[in-house]
Amino acid sequence: MKEITFNVEPCNQTGGFVARWDEVPDRGGITTQGDTLSELHAMVTDAVSAYFNLKERPNVKIVF
């Protein structure tokens, strides 16, 4: 897997943003949130680093 795409939506509860990637059956996905787009980007980067080991870590694309 060379690239994964996160879909971003506004969060009505917090006023921030939620990013989701759910494309791998039987392995789960990643959902994270941030109050600002800058914070969301940092949270996505952190979540991807935790989810994938270094050798298989893909590039990240964020779609609004």
Protein backbone atom coordinates (compact mmCIF):
# COMPACT_ATOMS: atom_id res chain seq x y z
CA MET A 1 0.00 0.00 0.00
CA LYS A 2 1.69 3.18 -1.17
CA GLU A 3 -0.94 5.77 -0.24
CA ILE A 4 -4.00 5.99 1.97
CA THR A 5 -6.73 8.62 1.79
CA PHE A 6 -8.42 10.15 4.81
CA ASN A 7 -11.86 11.66 4.37
CA VAL A 8 -12.35 14.77 6.51
CA GLU A 9 -15.65 16.09 7.79
CA PRO A 10 -16.56 18.89 10.18
CA CYS A 11 -17.46 17.64 13.66
CA ASN A 12 -20.76 19.16 14.76
CA GLN A 13 -20.16 18.23 18.41
CA THR A 14 -16.76 19.89 18.83
CA GLY A 15 -16.63 22.40 16.00
CA GLY A 16 -13.39 20.77 14.82
CA PHE A 17 -12.72 18.11 12.22
CA VAL A 18 -12.79 14.29 12.01
CA ALA A 19 -10.59 12.28 9.62
CA ARG A 20 -11.39 8.66 8.71
CA TRP A 21 -9.65 5.90 6.78
CA ASP A 22 -11.51 2.56 6.75
CA GLU A 23 -10.38 0.67 3.67
CA VAL A 24 -8.76 -2.48 5.08
CA PRO A 25 -11.16 -5.35 5.84
CA ASP A 26 -10.39 -7.36 8.99
CA ARG A 27 -7.73 -4.90 10.17
CA GLY A 28 -9.82 -1.94 11.20
CA GLY A 29 -9.10 1.59 10.19
CA ILE A 30 -8.06 4.93 11.61
CA THR A 31 -10.31 7.68 12.93
CA THR A 32 -8.91 10.78 14.60
CA GLN A 33 -9.93 14.37 15.23
CA GLY A 34 -8.52 17.84 15.76
CA ASP A 35 -9.83 21.27 16.67
CA THR A 36 -8.05 22.90 13.70
CA LEU A 37 -6.86 21.60 10.34
CA SER A 38 -3.27 21.95 11.52
CA GLU A 39 -3.98 19.89 14.64
CA LEU A 40 -5.89 17.34 12.56
CA HIS A 41 -2.92 16.91 10.24
CA ALA A 42 -0.64 16.27 13.23
CA MET A 43 -3.12 13.77 14.67
CA VAL A 44 -3.37 11.91 11.33
CA THR A 45 0.43 11.73 11.08
CA ASP A 46 0.66 10.39 14.63
CA ALA A 47 -2.11 7.83 14.07
CA VAL A 48 -0.55 6.53 10.83
CA SER A 49 2.82 6.20 12.59
CA ALA A 50 1.20 4.12 15.32
CA TYR A 51 -0.92 1.97 12.96
CA PHE A 52 1.78 0.98 10.44
CA ASN A 53 5.28 -0.24 11.08
CA LEU A 54 8.03 1.86 9.51
CA LYS A 55 8.64 -0.48 6.54
CA GLU A 56 4.99 -0.51 5.40
CA ARG A 57 4.02 3.10 6.25
CA PRO A 58 2.22 4.68 3.25
CA ASN A 59 1.98 8.27 2.14
CA VAL A 60 -1.11 10.09 3.39
CA LYS A 61 -3.65 12.03 1.35
CA ILE A 62 -6.28 14.14 3.14
CA VAL A 63 -9.52 14.88 1.27
CA PHE A 64 -12.10 17.45 2.36
